Amino acid sequence: MGNQCFAVTESDSIAHIVLNRPDELNSMTPDFWRELPQLVDEISNRGAARAIVISSTGKHFTAGMDLSVFTGGALDDNSEVEVGRARSVFRYNVLHLQDTFNALERARMPVLVATQGGVVGAGVDMITACDMRYATEDSWFCIHEINIGMTADVGTLQRLPKIIPEGIARELAFTGDRMPAARAKEVGLVNEVYPDQDTMLEAVMDVAARIASKSPLAIHGTKETINYTRDHTVADALQYIAAWQTGMFQPTDMIESFGAKAEGREPQFDDLPEIHTGL
């Protein structure tokens, strides 16, 4: 069966994942939470793409968690089980939802997200797990969970304070206010704001193409190192990159880079090797 929530294309070493339920405001149904990590892991494991772009359709990027996740038993169908045991299963269900967006971080290539209209609730969880964020002028961002009586639990509260100033993140999380695109750029949540979606996607695809022209192994190492550095001390991160380089750095791509420059051509790099899972 095909994807229910996404359209996927791949061209010029860029994989483009599009949220494709505009009439339903791209709300995140149980299918969404199943399909997205499968798509991202498959693209990452195959290694042919060197960047991933995520965009959406319709008026809003996403309305966030679909009500069916709460009411259809996807989170909690253990009403007949002793309460402690039922809650232990609920914890694993929350971890499963978190892993949907963790897939964006663990992908071997950068993930760029392009938003329009509202980015609501779990939509903020999603975009904060991406490497770079771009928006149209009509975009706005809302940690909506606080407005419906719950604590955000799928990544926003963990990632957002490391992207924007902590006090601003706290204000958004405590008030549930909307942050418009201009303010989001001002505080560093998004890299750039564009007048419309077509202009944005053209620009984002250009960024993705520039990434795709680099050594994919060097890009992989750069992403791994930045992610590690975010959560560790400078000293720990320096040890990590030293260990990474010991194992991963080989002169092949550097030689190709210098050779291409000397010959006046674009360098040609091998794709990342495919990762075979299920051994």
C-alpha atoms as a PDB file:
ATOM      1  CA  MET A   1       0.000   0.000   0.000  1.00  0.00           C
ATOM      2  CA  GLY A   2       1.274   3.461  -0.879  1.00  0.00           C
ATOM      3  CA  ASN A   3       1.827   6.355   1.464  1.00  0.00           C
ATOM      4  CA  GLN A   4      -1.341   7.935   2.805  1.00  0.00           C
ATOM      5  CA  CYS A   5       0.208  11.171   4.053  1.00  0.00           C
ATOM      6  CA  PHE A   6       3.175  11.905   1.794  1.00  0.00           C
ATOM      7  CA  ALA A   7       4.268  12.266  -1.812  1.00  0.00           C
ATOM      8  CA  VAL A   8       7.954  11.489  -2.397  1.00  0.00           C
ATOM      9  CA  THR A   9      10.204  12.295  -5.335  1.00  0.00           C
ATOM     10  CA  GLU A  10      13.947  12.073  -5.804  1.00  0.00           C
ATOM     11  CA  SER A  11      15.954  14.015  -8.372  1.00  0.00           C
ATOM     12  CA  ASP A  12      19.515  15.308  -8.657  1.00  0.00           C
ATOM     13  CA  SER A  13      20.446  13.617  -5.364  1.00  0.00           C
ATOM     14  CA  ILE A  14      17.690  15.473  -3.465  1.00  0.00           C
ATOM     15  CA  ALA A  15      14.784  13.580  -1.892  1.00  0.00           C
ATOM     16  CA  HIS A  16      11.623  15.687  -1.590  1.00  0.00           C
ATOM     17  CA  ILE A  17       9.017  14.583   0.966  1.00  0.00           C
ATOM     18  CA  VAL A  18       5.710  16.459   0.724  1.00  0.00           C
ATOM     19  CA  LEU A  19       2.929  16.406   3.327  1.00  0.00           C
ATOM     20  CA  ASN A  20       0.013  15.657   1.068  1.00  0.00           C
ATOM     21  CA  ARG A  21      -3.309  15.944   2.936  1.00  0.00           C
ATOM     22  CA  PRO A  22      -4.128  19.635   2.376  1.00  0.00           C
ATOM     23  CA  ASP A  23      -7.884  19.248   2.828  1.00  0.00           C
ATOM     24  CA  GLU A  24      -7.233  17.891   6.338  1.00  0.00           C
ATOM     25  CA  LEU A  25      -4.618  20.606   7.058  1.00  0.00           C
ATOM     26  CA  ASN A  26      -1.937  17.896   6.975  1.00  0.00           C
ATOM     27  CA  SER A  27      -2.852  16.767  10.472  1.00  0.00           C
ATOM     28  CA  MET A  28      -0.705  13.931  11.796  1.00  0.00           C
ATOM     29  CA  THR A  29      -2.780  10.751  11.731  1.00  0.00           C
ATOM     30  CA  PRO A  30      -1.516   7.337  12.888  1.00  0.00           C
ATOM     31  CA  ASP A  31      -0.412   6.743   9.264  1.00  0.00           C
ATOM     32  CA  PHE A  32       1.774   9.871   9.479  1.00  0.00           C
ATOM     33  CA  TRP A  33       3.647   8.591  12.516  1.00  0.00           C
ATOM     34  CA  ARG A  34       4.233   5.241  10.816  1.00  0.00           C
ATOM     35  CA  GLU A  35       5.143   6.495   7.358  1.00  0.00           C
ATOM     36  CA  LEU A  36       7.532   9.381   8.072  1.00  0.00           C
ATOM     37  CA  PRO A  37      10.267   7.438   9.904  1.00  0.00           C
ATOM     38  CA  GLN A  38      10.007   4.616   7.377  1.00  0.00           C
ATOM     39  CA  LEU A  39      10.500   7.074   4.506  1.00  0.00           C
ATOM     40  CA  VAL A  40      13.364   8.954   6.135  1.00  0.00           C
ATOM     41  CA  ASP A  41      15.162   5.808   7.297  1.00  0.00           C
ATOM     42  CA  GLU A  42      14.822   4.255   3.843  1.00  0.00           C
ATOM     43  CA  ILE A  43      16.249   7.350   2.141  1.00  0.00           C
ATOM     44  CA  SER A  44      19.081   7.544   4.664  1.00  0.00           C
ATOM     45  CA  ASN A  45      19.895   3.839   4.476  1.00  0.00           C
ATOM     46  CA  ARG A  46      19.884   3.779   0.680  1.00  0.00           C
ATOM     47  CA  GLY A  47      22.357   6.658   0.562  1.00  0.00           C
ATOM     48  CA  ALA A  48      21.597   7.879  -2.966  1.00  0.00           C
ATOM     49  CA  ALA A  49      20.126  11.193  -1.793  1.00  0.00           C
ATOM     50  CA  ARG A  50      22.486  13.769  -0.363  1.00  0.00           C
ATOM     51  CA  ALA A  51      19.838  16.102   1.073  1.00  0.00           C
ATOM     52  CA  ILE A  52      16.203  15.784   2.097  1.00  0.00           C
ATOM     53  CA  VAL A  53      13.690  18.591   1.638  1.00  0.00           C
ATOM     54  CA  ILE A  54      10.350  18.478   3.452  1.00  0.00           C
ATOM     55  CA  SER A  55       7.512  20.742   2.353  1.00  0.00           C
ATOM     56  CA  SER A  56       3.740  20.741   2.510  1.00  0.00           C
ATOM     57  CA  THR A  57       0.571  21.523   0.605  1.00  0.00           C
ATOM     58  CA  GLY A  58      -2.468  23.702   1.157  1.00  0.00           C
ATOM     59  CA  LYS A  59      -3.067  26.589   3.509  1.00  0.00           C
ATOM     60  CA  HIS A  60      -1.081  25.233   6.451  1.00  0.00           C
ATOM     61  CA  PHE A  61       2.093  23.223   6.827  1.00  0.00           C
ATOM     62  CA  THR A  62       0.401  21.105   9.489  1.00  0.00           C
ATOM     63  CA  ALA A  63      -2.335  21.415  12.096  1.00  0.00           C
ATOM     64  CA  GLY A  64      -0.349  19.051  14.318  1.00  0.00           C
ATOM     65  CA  MET A  65      -1.525  15.863  15.985  1.00  0.00           C
ATOM     66  CA  ASP A  66      -4.723  14.467  14.523  1.00  0.00           C
ATOM     67  CA  LEU A  67      -7.471  13.739  17.023  1.00  0.00           C
ATOM     68  CA  SER A  68      -7.581  10.124  15.822  1.00  0.00           C
ATOM     69  CA  VAL A  69      -4.238   9.498  17.521  1.00  0.00           C
ATOM     70  CA  PHE A  70      -5.888  10.205  20.868  1.00  0.00           C
ATOM     71  CA  THR A  71      -9.281   8.637  20.229  1.00  0.00           C
ATOM     72  CA  GLY A  72      -8.468   5.635  18.056  1.00  0.00           C
ATOM     73  CA  GLY A  73      -6.462   3.665  20.580  1.00  0.00           C
ATOM     74  CA  ALA A  74      -3.110   4.513  18.998  1.00  0.00           C
ATOM     75  CA  LEU A  75      -1.780   5.899  22.279  1.00  0.00           C
ATOM     76  CA  ASP A  76      -3.681   3.935  24.886  1.00  0.00           C
ATOM     77  CA  ASP A  77      -5.743   0.796  24.330  1.00  0.00           C
ATOM     78  CA  ASN A  78      -4.946  -0.910  27.641  1.00  0.00           C
ATOM     79  CA  SER A  79      -8.045   0.040  29.638  1.00  0.00           C
ATOM     80  CA  GLU A  80      -8.416  -3.533  30.916  1.00  0.00           C
ATOM     81  CA  VAL A  81      -4.807  -3.717  32.124  1.00  0.00           C
ATOM     82  CA  GLU A  82      -3.654  -2.844  35.640  1.00  0.00           C
ATOM     83  CA  VAL A  83      -2.908   0.881  35.716  1.00  0.00           C
ATOM     84  CA  GLY A  84       0.849   0.684  36.356  1.00  0.00           C
ATOM     85  CA  ARG A  85       1.314  -1.773  33.514  1.00  0.00           C
ATOM     86  CA  ALA A  86      -0.890   0.278  31.215  1.00  0.00           C
ATOM     87  CA  ARG A  87       1.125   3.419  31.958  1.00  0.00           C
ATOM     88  CA  SER A  88       4.369   1.586  31.215  1.00  0.00           C
ATOM     89  CA  VAL A  89       3.034   0.749  27.756  1.00  0.00           C
ATOM     90  CA  PHE A  90       1.906   4.363  27.281  1.00  0.00           C
ATOM     91  CA  ARG A  91       5.508   5.452  27.887  1.00  0.00           C
ATOM     92  CA  TYR A  92       6.699   3.270  25.024  1.00  0.00           C
ATOM     93  CA  ASN A  93       3.993   4.703  22.784  1.00  0.00           C
ATOM     94  CA  VAL A  94       5.263   8.221  23.521  1.00  0.00           C
ATOM     95  CA  LEU A  95       8.830   7.096  22.798  1.00  0.00           C
ATOM     96  CA  HIS A  96       7.560   5.683  19.490  1.00  0.00           C
ATOM     97  CA  LEU A  97       6.116   9.072  18.552  1.00  0.00           C
ATOM     98  CA  GLN A  98       9.375  10.775  19.530  1.00  0.00           C
ATOM     99  CA  ASP A  99      11.319   8.385  17.309  1.00  0.00           C
ATOM    100  CA  THR A 100       9.339   9.595  14.287  1.00  0.00           C
ATOM    101  CA  PHE A 101      11.157  12.904  14.508  1.00  0.00           C
ATOM    102  CA  ASN A 102      14.392  11.420  15.827  1.00  0.00           C
ATOM    103  CA  ALA A 103      14.617   9.855  12.351  1.00  0.00           C
ATOM    104  CA  LEU A 104      15.147  13.345  10.939  1.00  0.00           C
ATOM    105  CA  GLU A 105      18.159  13.853  13.204  1.00  0.00           C
ATOM    106  CA  ARG A 106      19.699  10.434  12.607  1.00  0.00           C
ATOM    107  CA  ALA A 107      19.411  10.679   8.798  1.00  0.00           C
ATOM    108  CA  ARG A 108      22.877  10.656   7.274  1.00  0.00           C
ATOM    109  CA  MET A 109      22.110  13.707   5.142  1.00  0.00           C
ATOM    110  CA  PRO A 110      20.810  17.173   6.119  1.00  0.00           C
ATOM    111  CA  VAL A 111      17.053  17.693   6.309  1.00  0.00           C
ATOM    112  CA  LEU A 112      15.690  21.072   5.178  1.00  0.00           C
ATOM    113  CA  VAL A 113      12.073  21.968   5.962  1.00  0.00           C
ATOM    114  CA  ALA A 114      10.024  24.626   4.157  1.00  0.00           C
ATOM    115  CA  THR A 115       6.853  25.809   5.901  1.00  0.00           C
ATOM    116  CA  GLN A 116       3.793  27.810   4.923  1.00  0.00           C
ATOM    117  CA  GLY A 117       0.837  28.914   7.027  1.00  0.00           C
ATOM    118  CA  GLY A 118       0.438  27.368  10.445  1.00  0.00           C
ATOM    119  CA  VAL A 119       3.014  25.093  12.062  1.00  0.00           C
ATOM    120  CA  VAL A 120       1.030  23.877  15.032  1.00  0.00           C
ATOM    121  CA  GLY A 121       1.786  21.628  18.005  1.00  0.00           C
ATOM    122  CA  ALA A 122       3.603  18.519  16.786  1.00  0.00           C
ATOM    123  CA  GLY A 123       4.552  20.528  13.708  1.00  0.00           C
ATOM    124  CA  VAL A 124       6.968  22.469  15.918  1.00  0.00           C
ATOM    125  CA  ASP A 125       8.309  19.167  17.277  1.00  0.00           C
ATOM    126  CA  MET A 126       8.890  18.134  13.677  1.00  0.00           C
ATOM    127  CA  ILE A 127      10.672  21.208  12.362  1.00  0.00           C
ATOM    128  CA  THR A 128      12.968  21.516  15.382  1.00  0.00           C
ATOM    129  CA  ALA A 129      14.347  18.059  14.531  1.00  0.00           C
ATOM    130  CA  CYS A 130      15.353  19.283  11.055  1.00  0.00           C
ATOM    131  CA  ASP A 131      18.745  20.772  10.240  1.00  0.00           C
ATOM    132  CA  MET A 132      17.496  23.998   8.647  1.00  0.00           C
ATOM    133  CA  ARG A 133      14.131  25.719   8.588  1.00  0.00           C
ATOM    134  CA  TYR A 134      12.643  28.130   6.037  1.00  0.00           C
ATOM    135  CA  ALA A 135       9.267  29.857   5.969  1.00  0.00           C
ATOM    136  CA  THR A 136       6.894  31.946   3.910  1.00  0.00           C
ATOM    137  CA  GLU A 137       5.785  35.337   5.185  1.00  0.00           C
ATOM    138  CA  ASP A 138       2.415  33.913   6.220  1.00  0.00           C
ATOM    139  CA  SER A 139       3.962  31.179   8.380  1.00  0.00           C
ATOM    140  CA  TRP A 140       3.405  31.118  12.110  1.00  0.00           C
ATOM    141  CA  PHE A 141       4.509  28.734  14.838  1.00  0.00           C
ATOM    142  CA  CYS A 142       2.566  27.656  17.912  1.00  0.00           C
ATOM    143  CA  ILE A 143       3.337  25.260  20.773  1.00  0.00           C
ATOM    144  CA  HIS A 144      -0.360  24.462  20.917  1.00  0.00           C
ATOM    145  CA  GLU A 145      -0.188  21.673  23.487  1.00  0.00           C
ATOM    146  CA  ILE A 146      -0.371  24.117  26.394  1.00  0.00           C
ATOM    147  CA  ASN A 147      -3.616  25.491  24.939  1.00  0.00           C
ATOM    148  CA  ILE A 148      -5.295  22.074  25.187  1.00  0.00           C
ATOM    149  CA  GLY A 149      -4.074  21.227  28.673  1.00  0.00           C
ATOM    150  CA  MET A 150      -1.020  19.112  28.049  1.00  0.00           C
ATOM    151  CA  THR A 151       2.760  19.339  28.052  1.00  0.00           C
ATOM    152  CA  ALA A 152       4.484  19.039  24.667  1.00  0.00           C
ATOM    153  CA  ASP A 153       6.259  15.691  24.682  1.00  0.00           C
ATOM    154  CA  VAL A 154       7.616  14.841  21.222  1.00  0.00           C
ATOM    155  CA  GLY A 155      10.727  17.050  21.085  1.00  0.00           C
ATOM    156  CA  THR A 156       9.857  20.753  21.120  1.00  0.00           C
ATOM    157  CA  LEU A 157      10.756  21.369  24.764  1.00  0.00           C
ATOM    158  CA  GLN A 158      14.027  19.498  24.330  1.00  0.00           C
ATOM    159  CA  ARG A 159      15.190  21.002  21.027  1.00  0.00           C
ATOM    160  CA  LEU A 160      13.690  24.492  20.779  1.00  0.00           C
ATOM    161  CA  PRO A 161      15.661  25.989  23.727  1.00  0.00           C
ATOM    162  CA  LYS A 162      18.850  24.951  21.903  1.00  0.00           C
ATOM    163  CA  ILE A 163      17.753  26.710  18.712  1.00  0.00           C
ATOM    164  CA  ILE A 164      16.381  30.016  20.049  1.00  0.00           C
ATOM    165  CA  PRO A 165      17.015  31.919  23.313  1.00  0.00           C
ATOM    166  CA  GLU A 166      15.660  29.947  26.263  1.00  0.00           C
ATOM    167  CA  GLY A 167      13.500  32.780  27.567  1.00  0.00           C
ATOM    168  CA  ILE A 168      11.716  33.099  24.223  1.00  0.00           C
ATOM    169  CA  ALA A 169      11.226  29.327  24.055  1.00  0.00           C
ATOM    170  CA  ARG A 170       9.737  29.385  27.549  1.00  0.00           C
ATOM    171  CA  GLU A 171       7.377  32.217  26.627  1.00  0.00           C
ATOM    172  CA  LEU A 172       6.088  30.293  23.608  1.00  0.00           C
ATOM    173  CA  ALA A 173       5.731  27.091  25.625  1.00  0.00           C
ATOM    174  CA  PHE A 174       3.954  28.721  28.572  1.00  0.00           C
ATOM    175  CA  THR A 175       1.602  31.010  26.614  1.00  0.00           C
ATOM    176  CA  GLY A 176       0.776  29.022  23.485  1.00  0.00           C
ATOM    177  CA  ASP A 177       1.053  32.275  21.524  1.00  0.00           C
ATOM    178  CA  ARG A 178       1.705  32.317  17.802  1.00  0.00           C
ATOM    179  CA  MET A 179       5.143  33.414  16.611  1.00  0.00           C
ATOM    180  CA  PRO A 180       4.972  35.010  13.139  1.00  0.00           C
ATOM    181  CA  ALA A 181       7.595  34.244  10.506  1.00  0.00           C
ATOM    182  CA  ALA A 182       9.377  37.599  10.830  1.00  0.00           C
ATOM    183  CA  ARG A 183       9.869  37.071  14.563  1.00  0.00           C
ATOM    184  CA  ALA A 184      10.923  33.464  13.961  1.00  0.00           C
ATOM    185  CA  LYS A 185      13.713  34.682  11.669  1.00  0.00           C
ATOM    186  CA  GLU A 186      14.681  37.396  14.151  1.00  0.00           C
ATOM    187  CA  VAL A 187      15.238  34.866  16.946  1.00  0.00           C
ATOM    188  CA  GLY A 188      16.867  32.238  14.728  1.00  0.00           C
ATOM    189  CA  LEU A 189      14.104  29.634  14.449  1.00  0.00           C
ATOM    190  CA  VAL A 190      14.093  29.942  10.661  1.00  0.00           C
ATOM    191  CA  ASN A 191      17.001  30.711   8.354  1.00  0.00           C
ATOM    192  CA  GLU A 192      15.065  32.827   5.874  1.00  0.00           C
ATOM    193  CA  VAL A 193      11.561  34.088   5.098  1.00  0.00           C
ATOM    194  CA  TYR A 194      10.153  34.259   1.566  1.00  0.00           C
ATOM    195  CA  PRO A 195       7.126  36.057   0.081  1.00  0.00           C
ATOM    196  CA  ASP A 196       5.453  32.877  -1.197  1.00  0.00           C
ATOM    197  CA  GLN A 197       5.844  29.120  -1.348  1.00  0.00           C
ATOM    198  CA  ASP A 198       7.137  28.902  -4.920  1.00  0.00           C
ATOM    199  CA  THR A 199       9.909  31.386  -4.198  1.00  0.00           C
ATOM    200  CA  MET A 200      10.737  29.557  -0.972  1.00  0.00           C
ATOM    201  CA  LEU A 201      10.922  26.115  -2.565  1.00  0.00           C
ATOM    202  CA  GLU A 202      13.135  27.386  -5.385  1.00  0.00           C
ATOM    203  CA  ALA A 203      15.536  28.869  -2.843  1.00  0.00           C
ATOM    204  CA  VAL A 204      15.479  25.829  -0.545  1.00  0.00           C
ATOM    205  CA  MET A 205      16.110  23.469  -3.454  1.00  0.00           C
ATOM    206  CA  ASP A 206      19.085  25.639  -4.377  1.00  0.00           C
ATOM    207  CA  VAL A 207      20.498  25.266  -0.855  1.00  0.00           C
ATOM    208  CA  ALA A 208      19.884  21.514  -1.044  1.00  0.00           C
ATOM    209  CA  ALA A 209      21.654  21.355  -4.415  1.00  0.00           C
ATOM    210  CA  ARG A 210      24.701  23.135  -2.996  1.00  0.00           C
ATOM    211  CA  ILE A 211      24.791  20.608  -0.157  1.00  0.00           C
ATOM    212  CA  ALA A 212      24.385  17.737  -2.620  1.00  0.00           C
ATOM    213  CA  SER A 213      27.450  18.939  -4.553  1.00  0.00           C
ATOM    214  CA  LYS A 214      29.728  18.331  -1.552  1.00  0.00           C
ATOM    215  CA  SER A 215      31.298  15.093  -0.382  1.00  0.00           C
ATOM    216  CA  PRO A 216      28.415  13.132   1.179  1.00  0.00           C
ATOM    217  CA  LEU A 217      30.780  11.509   3.668  1.00  0.00           C
ATOM    218  CA  ALA A 218      32.063  14.918   4.787  1.00  0.00           C
ATOM    219  CA  ILE A 219      28.473  16.183   5.054  1.00  0.00           C
ATOM    220  CA  HIS A 220      27.524  13.120   7.120  1.00  0.00           C
ATOM    221  CA  GLY A 221      30.432  13.729   9.469  1.00  0.00           C
ATOM    222  CA  THR A 222      29.544  17.418   9.757  1.00  0.00           C
ATOM    223  CA  LYS A 223      25.932  16.648  10.705  1.00  0.00           C
ATOM    224  CA  GLU A 224      26.979  13.974  13.212  1.00  0.00           C
ATOM    225  CA  THR A 225      29.472  16.337  14.808  1.00  0.00           C
ATOM    226  CA  ILE A 226      27.092  19.300  15.081  1.00  0.00           C
ATOM    227  CA  ASN A 227      24.408  17.087  16.626  1.00  0.00           C
ATOM    228  CA  TYR A 228      26.879  15.624  19.110  1.00  0.00           C
ATOM    229  CA  THR A 229      28.302  19.036  20.002  1.00  0.00           C
ATOM    230  CA  ARG A 230      24.851  20.415  20.811  1.00  0.00           C
ATOM    231  CA  ASP A 231      24.460  17.964  23.700  1.00  0.00           C
ATOM    232  CA  HIS A 232      28.068  17.732  24.980  1.00  0.00           C
ATOM    233  CA  THR A 233      30.902  19.909  26.202  1.00  0.00           C
ATOM    234  CA  VAL A 234      33.451  21.387  23.829  1.00  0.00           C
ATOM    235  CA  ALA A 235      36.068  19.005  25.226  1.00  0.00           C
ATOM    236  CA  ASP A 236      33.829  15.983  24.664  1.00  0.00           C
ATOM    237  CA  ALA A 237      32.972  17.144  21.159  1.00  0.00           C
ATOM    238  CA  LEU A 238      36.643  17.606  20.257  1.00  0.00           C
ATOM    239  CA  GLN A 239      37.333  14.055  21.403  1.00  0.00           C
ATOM    240  CA  TYR A 240      34.384  12.860  19.318  1.00  0.00           C
ATOM    241  CA  ILE A 241      35.520  14.504  16.079  1.00  0.00           C
ATOM    242  CA  ALA A 242      39.044  13.184  16.633  1.00  0.00           C
ATOM    243  CA  ALA A 243      37.650   9.655  16.915  1.00  0.00           C
ATOM    244  CA  TRP A 244      35.349  10.211  13.921  1.00  0.00           C
ATOM    245  CA  GLN A 245      38.199  11.425  11.731  1.00  0.00           C
ATOM    246  CA  THR A 246      40.382   8.521  12.792  1.00  0.00           C
ATOM    247  CA  GLY A 247      37.844   6.115  11.380  1.00  0.00           C
ATOM    248  CA  MET A 248      36.074   8.030   8.609  1.00  0.00           C
ATOM    249  CA  PHE A 249      38.520  10.526   7.096  1.00  0.00           C
ATOM    250  CA  GLN A 250      40.142   9.252   3.944  1.00  0.00           C
ATOM    251  CA  PRO A 251      41.904  11.423   1.335  1.00  0.00           C
ATOM    252  CA  THR A 252      39.838  10.198  -1.640  1.00  0.00           C
ATOM    253  CA  ASP A 253      37.255  12.997  -1.658  1.00  0.00           C
ATOM    254  CA  MET A 254      39.835  15.661  -0.859  1.00  0.00           C
ATOM    255  CA  ILE A 255      41.976  14.537  -3.790  1.00  0.00           C
ATOM    256  CA  GLU A 256      38.902  14.654  -6.039  1.00  0.00           C
ATOM    257  CA  SER A 257      38.069  18.172  -4.793  1.00  0.00           C
ATOM    258  CA  PHE A 258      41.539  19.525  -5.550  1.00  0.00           C
ATOM    259  CA  GLY A 259      41.709  17.673  -8.864  1.00  0.00           C
ATOM    260  CA  ALA A 260      38.351  19.010 -10.011  1.00  0.00           C
ATOM    261  CA  LYS A 261      39.334  22.553  -9.117  1.00  0.00           C
ATOM    262  CA  ALA A 262      42.613  22.250 -11.021  1.00  0.00           C
ATOM    263  CA  GLU A 263      40.782  20.846 -14.058  1.00  0.00           C
ATOM    264  CA  GLY A 264      37.976  23.399 -13.953  1.00  0.00           C
ATOM    265  CA  ARG A 265      35.166  20.885 -13.441  1.00  0.00           C
ATOM    266  CA  GLU A 266      32.676  19.937 -10.769  1.00  0.00           C
ATOM    267  CA  PRO A 267      33.909  17.228  -8.382  1.00  0.00           C
ATOM    268  CA  GLN A 268      32.264  13.803  -8.537  1.00  0.00           C
ATOM    269  CA  PHE A 269      31.850  11.948  -5.253  1.00  0.00           C
ATOM    270  CA  ASP A 270      30.624   8.451  -4.562  1.00  0.00           C
ATOM    271  CA  ASP A 271      27.275   8.139  -2.804  1.00  0.00           C
ATOM    272  CA  LEU A 272      27.183   6.905   0.759  1.00  0.00           C
ATOM    273  CA  PRO A 273      27.041   3.108   0.753  1.00  0.00           C
ATOM    274  CA  GLU A 274      23.706   1.479   1.350  1.00  0.00           C
ATOM    275  CA  ILE A 275      22.967   0.320   4.867  1.00  0.00           C
ATOM    276  CA  HIS A 276      21.350  -3.113   4.981  1.00  0.00           C
ATOM    277  CA  THR A 277      19.084  -3.546   7.961  1.00  0.00           C
ATOM    278  CA  GLY A 278      17.282  -6.596   9.235  1.00  0.00           C
ATOM    279  CA  LEU A 279      20.357  -8.790   9.550  1.00  0.00           C
END
